[in-house]
Amino acid sequence: MSHFTGRKKEAAPLEEAFQELLKAYRLEGKFREKSLIHDWSSLVGKTIGDRTQSVFIRDKKLFVKITSGPVKREIQMNKSKILRLIEERYGVDVIEDLVCL
């Protein structure tokens, strides 16, 4: 078990160094945007993820192209909940709105 604790201690300074590097080059926002796009399916679950054709961000708006009418309505009904989840996970300044296409 001690083998795993040693690895965890190493990861924290690396993560901190990476975050500092992103800040230094002003890439933090772009990195969080790319992370959000990449994580969309795991963020909203398999059902929505499977019915998502594309995800992109433009002008702090998250655009999500959904292939199912009922799923699109479900997202629109839970928009504030999804935005809150995004805010908690990626920060307040990454996304301001969610648009279903």
PDB file of N, CA and C in Angstrom:
ATOM      1  N   MET A   1       0.802  -1.206   0.000  1.00  0.00           N
ATOM      2  CA  MET A   1       0.000   0.000   0.000  1.00  0.00           C
ATOM      3  C   MET A   1       0.844   1.269   0.000  1.00  0.00           C
ATOM      4  N   SER A   2       1.994   1.238   0.651  1.00  0.00           N
ATOM      5  CA  SER A   2       2.831   2.439   0.732  1.00  0.00           C
ATOM      6  C   SER A   2       3.327   2.874  -0.655  1.00  0.00           C
ATOM      7  N   HIS A   3       3.402   1.937  -1.594  1.00  0.00           N
ATOM      8  CA  HIS A   3       3.811   2.260  -2.954  1.00  0.00           C
ATOM      9  C   HIS A   3       2.882   3.304  -3.576  1.00  0.00           C
ATOM     10  N   PHE A   4       1.574   3.154  -3.333  1.00  0.00           N
ATOM     11  CA  PHE A   4       0.594   4.084  -3.901  1.00  0.00           C
ATOM     12  C   PHE A   4       0.639   5.450  -3.232  1.00  0.00           C
ATOM     13  N   THR A   5       0.884   5.492  -1.923  1.00  0.00           N
ATOM     14  CA  THR A   5       0.959   6.781  -1.233  1.00  0.00           C
ATOM     15  C   THR A   5       2.127   7.603  -1.748  1.00  0.00           C
ATOM     16  N   GLY A   6       3.231   6.969  -2.059  1.00  0.00           N
ATOM     17  CA  GLY A   6       4.388   7.671  -2.603  1.00  0.00           C
ATOM     18  C   GLY A   6       4.071   8.322  -3.941  1.00  0.00           C
ATOM     19  N   ARG A   7       3.314   7.626  -4.766  1.00  0.00           N
ATOM     20  CA  ARG A   7       2.950   8.158  -6.086  1.00  0.00           C
ATOM     21  C   ARG A   7       2.042   9.366  -5.956  1.00  0.00           C
ATOM     22  N   LYS A   8       1.115   9.328  -5.011  1.00  0.00           N
ATOM     23  CA  LYS A   8       0.180  10.428  -4.826  1.00  0.00           C
ATOM     24  C   LYS A   8       0.925  11.707  -4.424  1.00  0.00           C
ATOM     25  N   LYS A   9       1.919  11.573  -3.589  1.00  0.00           N
ATOM     26  CA  LYS A   9       2.709  12.738  -3.161  1.00  0.00           C
ATOM     27  C   LYS A   9       3.442  13.361  -4.343  1.00  0.00           C
ATOM     28  N   GLU A  10       3.890  12.529  -5.284  1.00  0.00           N
ATOM     29  CA  GLU A  10       4.586  13.033  -6.464  1.00  0.00           C
ATOM     30  C   GLU A  10       3.631  13.749  -7.412  1.00  0.00           C
ATOM     31  N   ALA A  11       2.391  13.292  -7.493  1.00  0.00           N
ATOM     32  CA  ALA A  11       1.433  13.854  -8.441  1.00  0.00           C
ATOM     33  C   ALA A  11       1.049  15.282  -8.086  1.00  0.00           C
ATOM     34  N   ALA A  12       0.900  15.592  -6.820  1.00  0.00           N
ATOM     35  CA  ALA A  12       0.468  16.932  -6.418  1.00  0.00           C
ATOM     36  C   ALA A  12       1.433  18.027  -6.879  1.00  0.00           C
ATOM     37  N   PRO A  13       2.744  17.914  -6.620  1.00  0.00           N
ATOM     38  CA  PRO A  13       3.661  18.951  -7.111  1.00  0.00           C
ATOM     39  C   PRO A  13       3.677  19.053  -8.637  1.00  0.00           C
ATOM     40  N   LEU A  14       3.561  17.920  -9.323  1.00  0.00           N
ATOM     41  CA  LEU A  14       3.502  17.936 -10.785  1.00  0.00           C
ATOM     42  C   LEU A  14       2.272  18.683 -11.262  1.00  0.00           C
ATOM     43  N   GLU A  15       1.142  18.405 -10.631  1.00  0.00           N
ATOM     44  CA  GLU A  15      -0.104  19.064 -11.002  1.00  0.00           C
ATOM     45  C   GLU A  15      -0.006  20.572 -10.746  1.00  0.00           C
ATOM     46  N   GLU A  16       0.575  20.931  -9.600  1.00  0.00           N
ATOM     47  CA  GLU A  16       0.761  22.347  -9.278  1.00  0.00           C
ATOM     48  C   GLU A  16       1.662  23.019 -10.299  1.00  0.00           C
ATOM     49  N   ALA A  17       2.742  22.358 -10.671  1.00  0.00           N
ATOM     50  CA  ALA A  17       3.670  22.906 -11.656  1.00  0.00           C
ATOM     51  C   ALA A  17       2.978  23.095 -13.009  1.00  0.00           C
ATOM     52  N   PHE A  18       2.153  22.128 -13.385  1.00  0.00           N
ATOM     53  CA  PHE A  18       1.411  22.203 -14.640  1.00  0.00           C
ATOM     54  C   PHE A  18       0.445  23.391 -14.619  1.00  0.00           C
ATOM     55  N   GLN A  19      -0.273  23.557 -13.497  1.00  0.00           N
ATOM     56  CA  GLN A  19      -1.204  24.683 -13.363  1.00  0.00           C
ATOM     57  C   GLN A  19      -0.462  26.019 -13.446  1.00  0.00           C
ATOM     58  N   GLU A  20       0.688  26.107 -12.813  1.00  0.00           N
ATOM     59  CA  GLU A  20       1.497  27.334 -12.865  1.00  0.00           C
ATOM     60  C   GLU A  20       1.953  27.626 -14.295  1.00  0.00           C
ATOM     61  N   LEU A  21       2.321  26.578 -15.013  1.00  0.00           N
ATOM     62  CA  LEU A  21       2.746  26.728 -16.398  1.00  0.00           C
ATOM     63  C   LEU A  21       1.593  27.256 -17.260  1.00  0.00           C
ATOM     64  N   LEU A  22       0.408  26.688 -17.077  1.00  0.00           N
ATOM     65  CA  LEU A  22      -0.767  27.151 -17.819  1.00  0.00           C
ATOM     66  C   LEU A  22      -1.049  28.622 -17.532  1.00  0.00           C
ATOM     67  N   LYS A  23      -0.965  29.006 -16.258  1.00  0.00           N
ATOM     68  CA  LYS A  23      -1.191  30.407 -15.877  1.00  0.00           C
ATOM     69  C   LYS A  23      -0.141  31.311 -16.507  1.00  0.00           C
ATOM     70  N   ALA A  24       1.110  30.883 -16.461  1.00  0.00           N
ATOM     71  CA  ALA A  24       2.209  31.680 -16.989  1.00  0.00           C
ATOM     72  C   ALA A  24       2.020  31.978 -18.474  1.00  0.00           C
ATOM     73  N   TYR A  25       1.521  31.009 -19.206  1.00  0.00           N
ATOM     74  CA  TYR A  25       1.323  31.190 -20.643  1.00  0.00           C
ATOM     75  C   TYR A  25      -0.114  31.569 -21.000  1.00  0.00           C
ATOM     76  N   ARG A  26      -0.904  31.878 -19.983  1.00  0.00           N
ATOM     77  CA  ARG A  26      -2.315  32.276 -20.145  1.00  0.00           C
ATOM     78  C   ARG A  26      -3.111  31.256 -20.963  1.00  0.00           C
ATOM     79  N   LEU A  27      -2.858  29.986 -20.691  1.00  0.00           N
ATOM     80  CA  LEU A  27      -3.542  28.902 -21.400  1.00  0.00           C
ATOM     81  C   LEU A  27      -4.566  28.184 -20.529  1.00  0.00           C
ATOM     82  N   GLU A  28      -4.695  28.637 -19.292  1.00  0.00           N
ATOM     83  CA  GLU A  28      -5.556  27.954 -18.336  1.00  0.00           C
ATOM     84  C   GLU A  28      -7.001  27.833 -18.837  1.00  0.00           C
ATOM     85  N   GLY A  29      -7.544  28.934 -19.346  1.00  0.00           N
ATOM     86  CA  GLY A  29      -8.928  28.932 -19.835  1.00  0.00           C
ATOM     87  C   GLY A  29      -9.114  27.968 -20.988  1.00  0.00           C
ATOM     88  N   LYS A  30      -8.185  27.996 -21.952  1.00  0.00           N
ATOM     89  CA  LYS A  30      -8.262  27.098 -23.111  1.00  0.00           C
ATOM     90  C   LYS A  30      -8.146  25.637 -22.682  1.00  0.00           C
ATOM     91  N   PHE A  31      -7.269  25.376 -21.722  1.00  0.00           N
ATOM     92  CA  PHE A  31      -7.104  24.012 -21.226  1.00  0.00           C
ATOM     93  C   PHE A  31      -8.401  23.517 -20.583  1.00  0.00           C
ATOM     94  N   ARG A  32      -9.031  24.378 -19.774  1.00  0.00           N
ATOM     95  CA  ARG A  32     -10.292  23.980 -19.134  1.00  0.00           C
ATOM     96  C   ARG A  32     -11.394  23.786 -20.169  1.00  0.00           C
ATOM     97  N   GLU A  33     -11.419  24.612 -21.216  1.00  0.00           N
ATOM     98  CA  GLU A  33     -12.404  24.436 -22.293  1.00  0.00           C
ATOM     99  C   GLU A  33     -12.210  23.084 -22.969  1.00  0.00           C
ATOM    100  N   LYS A  34     -10.965  22.762 -23.322  1.00  0.00           N
ATOM    101  CA  LYS A  34     -10.673  21.479 -23.988  1.00  0.00           C
ATOM    102  C   LYS A  34     -11.010  20.303 -23.068  1.00  0.00           C
ATOM    103  N   SER A  35     -10.731  20.457 -21.785  1.00  0.00           N
ATOM    104  CA  SER A  35     -11.058  19.402 -20.819  1.00  0.00           C
ATOM    105  C   SER A  35     -12.560  19.186 -20.750  1.00  0.00           C
ATOM    106  N   LEU A  36     -13.327  20.267 -20.725  1.00  0.00           N
ATOM    107  CA  LEU A  36     -14.784  20.176 -20.670  1.00  0.00           C
ATOM    108  C   LEU A  36     -15.325  19.467 -21.911  1.00  0.00           C
ATOM    109  N   ILE A  37     -14.842  19.855 -23.081  1.00  0.00           N
ATOM    110  CA  ILE A  37     -15.291  19.220 -24.326  1.00  0.00           C
ATOM    111  C   ILE A  37     -14.969  17.725 -24.289  1.00  0.00           C
ATOM    112  N   HIS A  38     -13.775  17.399 -23.868  1.00  0.00           N
ATOM    113  CA  HIS A  38     -13.338  16.001 -23.788  1.00  0.00           C
ATOM    114  C   HIS A  38     -14.175  15.215 -22.770  1.00  0.00           C
ATOM    115  N   ASP A  39     -14.528  15.848 -21.653  1.00  0.00           N
ATOM    116  CA  ASP A  39     -15.231  15.175 -20.556  1.00  0.00           C
ATOM    117  C   ASP A  39     -16.755  15.212 -20.677  1.00  0.00           C
ATOM    118  N   TRP A  40     -17.304  15.833 -21.729  1.00  0.00           N
ATOM    119  CA  TRP A  40     -18.755  16.039 -21.840  1.00  0.00           C
ATOM    120  C   TRP A  40     -19.550  14.761 -21.554  1.00  0.00           C
ATOM    121  N   SER A  41     -19.209  13.649 -22.210  1.00  0.00           N
ATOM    122  CA  SER A  41     -19.970  12.400 -22.035  1.00  0.00           C
ATOM    123  C   SER A  41     -19.935  11.895 -20.597  1.00  0.00           C
ATOM    124  N   SER A  42     -18.778  11.959 -19.957  1.00  0.00           N
ATOM    125  CA  SER A  42     -18.707  11.488 -18.573  1.00  0.00           C
ATOM    126  C   SER A  42     -19.402  12.467 -17.628  1.00  0.00           C
ATOM    127  N   LEU A  43     -19.457  13.730 -18.016  1.00  0.00           N
ATOM    128  CA  LEU A  43     -20.109  14.754 -17.194  1.00  0.00           C
ATOM    129  C   LEU A  43     -21.634  14.565 -17.182  1.00  0.00           C
ATOM    130  N   VAL A  44     -22.218  14.283 -18.353  1.00  0.00           N
ATOM    131  CA  VAL A  44     -23.675  14.190 -18.463  1.00  0.00           C
ATOM    132  C   VAL A  44     -24.200  12.756 -18.474  1.00  0.00           C
ATOM    133  N   GLY A  45     -23.316  11.783 -18.591  1.00  0.00           N
ATOM    134  CA  GLY A  45     -23.749  10.391 -18.562  1.00  0.00           C
ATOM    135  C   GLY A  45     -23.830   9.775 -19.956  1.00  0.00           C
ATOM    136  N   LYS A  46     -23.886   8.458 -19.972  1.00  0.00           N
ATOM    137  CA  LYS A  46     -23.844   7.682 -21.215  1.00  0.00           C
ATOM    138  C   LYS A  46     -25.022   7.973 -22.144  1.00  0.00           C
ATOM    139  N   THR A  47     -26.224   8.072 -21.605  1.00  0.00           N
ATOM    140  CA  THR A  47     -27.419   8.282 -22.438  1.00  0.00           C
ATOM    141  C   THR A  47     -27.294   9.556 -23.259  1.00  0.00           C
ATOM    142  N   ILE A  48     -26.947  10.659 -22.604  1.00  0.00           N
ATOM    143  CA  ILE A  48     -26.789  11.934 -23.313  1.00  0.00           C
ATOM    144  C   ILE A  48     -25.529  11.904 -24.173  1.00  0.00           C
ATOM    145  N   GLY A  49     -24.465  11.363 -23.629  1.00  0.00           N
ATOM    146  CA  GLY A  49     -23.203  11.278 -24.360  1.00  0.00           C
ATOM    147  C   GLY A  49     -23.339  10.532 -25.681  1.00  0.00           C
ATOM    148  N   ASP A  50     -24.089   9.427 -25.674  1.00  0.00           N
ATOM    149  CA  ASP A  50     -24.296   8.629 -26.884  1.00  0.00           C
ATOM    150  C   ASP A  50     -25.111   9.381 -27.936  1.00  0.00           C
ATOM    151  N   ARG A  51     -25.905  10.343 -27.498  1.00  0.00           N
ATOM    152  CA  ARG A  51     -26.760  11.102 -28.416  1.00  0.00           C
ATOM    153  C   ARG A  51     -26.200  12.492 -28.729  1.00  0.00           C
ATOM    154  N   THR A  52     -24.947  12.688 -28.361  1.00  0.00           N
ATOM    155  CA  THR A  52     -24.268  13.952 -28.644  1.00  0.00           C
ATOM    156  C   THR A  52     -23.439  13.786 -29.905  1.00  0.00           C
ATOM    157  N   GLN A  53     -23.744  14.599 -30.912  1.00  0.00           N
ATOM    158  CA  GLN A  53     -23.014  14.510 -32.175  1.00  0.00           C
ATOM    159  C   GLN A  53     -21.734  15.342 -32.130  1.00  0.00           C
ATOM    160  N   SER A  54     -21.827  16.541 -31.552  1.00  0.00           N
ATOM    161  CA  SER A  54     -20.622  17.370 -31.435  1.00  0.00           C
ATOM    162  C   SER A  54     -20.748  18.342 -30.268  1.00  0.00           C
ATOM    163  N   VAL A  55     -19.594  18.768 -29.764  1.00  0.00           N
ATOM    164  CA  VAL A  55     -19.514  19.708 -28.640  1.00  0.00           C
ATOM    165  C   VAL A  55     -18.409  20.705 -28.975  1.00  0.00           C
ATOM    166  N   PHE A  56     -18.727  21.996 -28.875  1.00  0.00           N
ATOM    167  CA  PHE A  56     -17.684  23.001 -29.062  1.00  0.00           C
ATOM    168  C   PHE A  56     -18.006  24.249 -28.255  1.00  0.00           C
ATOM    169  N   ILE A  57     -17.008  25.077 -28.056  1.00  0.00           N
ATOM    170  CA  ILE A  57     -17.171  26.295 -27.264  1.00  0.00           C
ATOM    171  C   ILE A  57     -16.810  27.487 -28.135  1.00  0.00           C
ATOM    172  N   ARG A  58     -17.676  28.499 -28.111  1.00  0.00           N
ATOM    173  CA  ARG A  58     -17.406  29.742 -28.818  1.00  0.00           C
ATOM    174  C   ARG A  58     -17.942  30.889 -27.970  1.00  0.00           C
ATOM    175  N   ASP A  59     -17.102  31.872 -27.700  1.00  0.00           N
ATOM    176  CA  ASP A  59     -17.495  33.050 -26.905  1.00  0.00           C
ATOM    177  C   ASP A  59     -18.126  32.674 -25.564  1.00  0.00           C
ATOM    178  N   LYS A  60     -17.474  31.743 -24.858  1.00  0.00           N
ATOM    179  CA  LYS A  60     -17.920  31.285 -23.532  1.00  0.00           C
ATOM    180  C   LYS A  60     -19.300  30.615 -23.546  1.00  0.00           C
ATOM    181  N   LYS A  61     -19.713  30.150 -24.722  1.00  0.00           N
ATOM    182  CA  LYS A  61     -20.959  29.395 -24.843  1.00  0.00           C
ATOM    183  C   LYS A  61     -20.612  27.975 -25.255  1.00  0.00           C
ATOM    184  N   LEU A  62     -21.197  27.008 -24.551  1.00  0.00           N
ATOM    185  CA  LEU A  62     -21.001  25.608 -24.872  1.00  0.00           C
ATOM    186  C   LEU A  62     -22.118  25.184 -25.817  1.00  0.00           C
ATOM    187  N   PHE A  63     -21.749  24.819 -27.037  1.00  0.00           N
ATOM    188  CA  PHE A  63     -22.718  24.370 -28.026  1.00  0.00           C
ATOM    189  C   PHE A  63     -22.675  22.850 -28.081  1.00  0.00           C
ATOM    190  N   VAL A  64     -23.853  22.243 -27.979  1.00  0.00           N
ATOM    191  CA  VAL A  64     -23.952  20.790 -27.968  1.00  0.00           C
ATOM    192  C   VAL A  64     -24.974  20.368 -29.017  1.00  0.00           C
ATOM    193  N   LYS A  65     -24.523  19.601 -30.014  1.00  0.00           N
ATOM    194  CA  LYS A  65     -25.432  19.115 -31.051  1.00  0.00           C
ATOM    195  C   LYS A  65     -25.927  17.734 -30.639  1.00  0.00           C
ATOM    196  N   ILE A  66     -27.238  17.662 -30.394  1.00  0.00           N
ATOM    197  CA  ILE A  66     -27.878  16.446 -29.890  1.00  0.00           C
ATOM    198  C   ILE A  66     -28.706  15.804 -31.001  1.00  0.00           C
ATOM    199  N   THR A  67     -28.634  14.475 -31.118  1.00  0.00           N
ATOM    200  CA  THR A  67     -29.338  13.762 -32.189  1.00  0.00           C
ATOM    201  C   THR A  67     -30.732  13.288 -31.787  1.00  0.00           C
ATOM    202  N   SER A  68     -31.146  13.553 -30.549  1.00  0.00           N
ATOM    203  CA  SER A  68     -32.436  13.064 -30.056  1.00  0.00           C
ATOM    204  C   SER A  68     -33.252  14.217 -29.472  1.00  0.00           C
ATOM    205  N   GLY A  69     -34.473  14.387 -29.985  1.00  0.00           N
ATOM    206  CA  GLY A  69     -35.370  15.440 -29.489  1.00  0.00           C
ATOM    207  C   GLY A  69     -35.626  15.356 -27.990  1.00  0.00           C
ATOM    208  N   PRO A  70     -36.008  14.169 -27.476  1.00  0.00           N
ATOM    209  CA  PRO A  70     -36.259  14.049 -26.041  1.00  0.00           C
ATOM    210  C   PRO A  70     -35.032  14.371 -25.183  1.00  0.00           C
ATOM    211  N   VAL A  71     -33.843  13.961 -25.638  1.00  0.00           N
ATOM    212  CA  VAL A  71     -32.612  14.241 -24.888  1.00  0.00           C
ATOM    213  C   VAL A  71     -32.319  15.742 -24.920  1.00  0.00           C
ATOM    214  N   LYS A  72     -32.570  16.377 -26.070  1.00  0.00           N
ATOM    215  CA  LYS A  72     -32.372  17.815 -26.199  1.00  0.00           C
ATOM    216  C   LYS A  72     -33.274  18.556 -25.200  1.00  0.00           C
ATOM    217  N   ARG A  73     -34.543  18.129 -25.104  1.00  0.00           N
ATOM    218  CA  ARG A  73     -35.476  18.747 -24.144  1.00  0.00           C
ATOM    219  C   ARG A  73     -35.012  18.521 -22.709  1.00  0.00           C
ATOM    220  N   GLU A  74     -34.503  17.336 -22.435  1.00  0.00           N
ATOM    221  CA  GLU A  74     -33.994  16.994 -21.102  1.00  0.00           C
ATOM    222  C   GLU A  74     -32.841  17.933 -20.711  1.00  0.00           C
ATOM    223  N   ILE A  75     -31.939  18.180 -21.653  1.00  0.00           N
ATOM    224  CA  ILE A  75     -30.823  19.088 -21.395  1.00  0.00           C
ATOM    225  C   ILE A  75     -31.338  20.505 -21.148  1.00  0.00           C
ATOM    226  N   GLN A  76     -32.270  20.951 -21.964  1.00  0.00           N
ATOM    227  CA  GLN A  76     -32.812  22.303 -21.807  1.00  0.00           C
ATOM    228  C   GLN A  76     -33.509  22.462 -20.456  1.00  0.00           C
ATOM    229  N   MET A  77     -34.210  21.418 -20.012  1.00  0.00           N
ATOM    230  CA  MET A  77     -34.894  21.472 -18.718  1.00  0.00           C
ATOM    231  C   MET A  77     -33.902  21.493 -17.552  1.00  0.00           C
ATOM    232  N   ASN A  78     -32.741  20.867 -17.746  1.00  0.00           N
ATOM    233  CA  ASN A  78     -31.733  20.771 -16.684  1.00  0.00           C
ATOM    234  C   ASN A  78     -30.525  21.671 -16.941  1.00  0.00           C
ATOM    235  N   LYS A  79     -30.711  22.672 -17.778  1.00  0.00           N
ATOM    236  CA  LYS A  79     -29.609  23.552 -18.187  1.00  0.00           C
ATOM    237  C   LYS A  79     -28.887  24.184 -16.994  1.00  0.00           C
ATOM    238  N   SER A  80     -29.629  24.736 -16.042  1.00  0.00           N
ATOM    239  CA  SER A  80     -28.987  25.400 -14.902  1.00  0.00           C
ATOM    240  C   SER A  80     -28.199  24.407 -14.055  1.00  0.00           C
ATOM    241  N   LYS A  81     -28.711  23.184 -13.938  1.00  0.00           N
ATOM    242  CA  LYS A  81     -28.029  22.135 -13.184  1.00  0.00           C
ATOM    243  C   LYS A  81     -26.710  21.755 -13.873  1.00  0.00           C
ATOM    244  N   ILE A  82     -26.751  21.623 -15.192  1.00  0.00           N
ATOM    245  CA  ILE A  82     -25.554  21.276 -15.962  1.00  0.00           C
ATOM    246  C   ILE A  82     -24.529  22.406 -15.876  1.00  0.00           C
ATOM    247  N   LEU A  83     -24.986  23.646 -16.005  1.00  0.00           N
ATOM    248  CA  LEU A  83     -24.082  24.798 -15.908  1.00  0.00           C
ATOM    249  C   LEU A  83     -23.427  24.869 -14.530  1.00  0.00           C
ATOM    250  N   ARG A  84     -24.200  24.561 -13.488  1.00  0.00           N
ATOM    251  CA  ARG A  84     -23.663  24.566 -12.122  1.00  0.00           C
ATOM    252  C   ARG A  84     -22.599  23.481 -11.964  1.00  0.00           C
ATOM    253  N   LEU A  85     -22.858  22.312 -12.528  1.00  0.00           N
ATOM    254  CA  LEU A  85     -21.905  21.203 -12.487  1.00  0.00           C
ATOM    255  C   LEU A  85     -20.601  21.588 -13.213  1.00  0.00           C
ATOM    256  N   ILE A  86     -20.733  22.221 -14.374  1.00  0.00           N
ATOM    257  CA  ILE A  86     -19.569  22.682 -15.137  1.00  0.00           C
ATOM    258  C   ILE A  86     -18.787  23.704 -14.320  1.00  0.00           C
ATOM    259  N   GLU A  87     -19.507  24.624 -13.704  1.00  0.00           N
ATOM    260  CA  GLU A  87     -18.880  25.670 -12.881  1.00  0.00           C
ATOM    261  C   GLU A  87     -18.085  25.061 -11.725  1.00  0.00           C
ATOM    262  N   GLU A  88     -18.673  24.072 -11.055  1.00  0.00           N
ATOM    263  CA  GLU A  88     -18.006  23.412  -9.927  1.00  0.00           C
ATOM    264  C   GLU A  88     -16.742  22.688 -10.373  1.00  0.00           C
ATOM    265  N   ARG A  89     -16.817  22.046 -11.530  1.00  0.00           N
ATOM    266  CA  ARG A  89     -15.706  21.224 -11.978  1.00  0.00           C
ATOM    267  C   ARG A  89     -14.621  21.998 -12.742  1.00  0.00           C
ATOM    268  N   TYR A  90     -15.021  23.016 -13.516  1.00  0.00           N
ATOM    269  CA  TYR A  90     -14.061  23.695 -14.394  1.00  0.00           C
ATOM    270  C   TYR A  90     -13.844  25.165 -14.067  1.00  0.00           C
ATOM    271  N   GLY A  91     -14.612  25.703 -13.121  1.00  0.00           N
ATOM    272  CA  GLY A  91     -14.449  27.104 -12.736  1.00  0.00           C
ATOM    273  C   GLY A  91     -15.555  27.985 -13.295  1.00  0.00           C
ATOM    274  N   VAL A  92     -15.741  29.133 -12.666  1.00  0.00           N
ATOM    275  CA  VAL A  92     -16.858  30.022 -13.006  1.00  0.00           C
ATOM    276  C   VAL A  92     -16.683  30.754 -14.327  1.00  0.00           C
ATOM    277  N   ASP A  93     -15.465  30.933 -14.777  1.00  0.00           N
ATOM    278  CA  ASP A  93     -15.236  31.770 -15.949  1.00  0.00           C
ATOM    279  C   ASP A  93     -15.058  31.000 -17.259  1.00  0.00           C
ATOM    280  N   VAL A  94     -15.382  29.713 -17.283  1.00  0.00           N
ATOM    281  CA  VAL A  94     -15.169  28.921 -18.495  1.00  0.00           C
ATOM    282  C   VAL A  94     -16.372  29.019 -19.430  1.00  0.00           C
ATOM    283  N   ILE A  95     -17.569  28.803 -18.909  1.00  0.00           N
ATOM    284  CA  ILE A  95     -18.794  28.791 -19.705  1.00  0.00           C
ATOM    285  C   ILE A  95     -19.838  29.717 -19.085  1.00  0.00           C
ATOM    286  N   GLU A  96     -20.507  30.494 -19.919  1.00  0.00           N
ATOM    287  CA  GLU A  96     -21.587  31.355 -19.427  1.00  0.00           C
ATOM    288  C   GLU A  96     -22.952  30.852 -19.845  1.00  0.00           C
ATOM    289  N   ASP A  97     -23.001  30.038 -20.929  1.00  0.00           N
ATOM    290  CA  ASP A  97     -24.293  29.573 -21.422  1.00  0.00           C
ATOM    291  C   ASP A  97     -24.137  28.219 -22.102  1.00  0.00           C
ATOM    292  N   LEU A  98     -25.244  27.503 -22.197  1.00  0.00           N
ATOM    293  CA  LEU A  98     -25.296  26.190 -22.840  1.00  0.00           C
ATOM    294  C   LEU A  98     -26.348  26.260 -23.932  1.00  0.00           C
ATOM    295  N   VAL A  99     -25.965  25.933 -25.155  1.00  0.00           N
ATOM    296  CA  VAL A  99     -26.884  26.013 -26.301  1.00  0.00           C
ATOM    297  C   VAL A  99     -26.992  24.637 -26.946  1.00  0.00           C
ATOM    298  N   CYS A 100     -28.234  24.139 -27.066  1.00  0.00           N
ATOM    299  CA  CYS A 100     -28.475  22.866 -27.755  1.00  0.00           C
ATOM    300  C   CYS A 100     -28.776  23.123 -29.206  1.00  0.00           C
ATOM    301  N   LEU A 101     -28.126  22.359 -30.060  1.00  0.00           N
ATOM    302  CA  LEU A 101     -28.348  22.489 -31.508  1.00  0.00           C
ATOM    303  C   LEU A 101     -29.054  21.266 -32.050  1.00  0.00           C
TER     304      LEU A 101
END
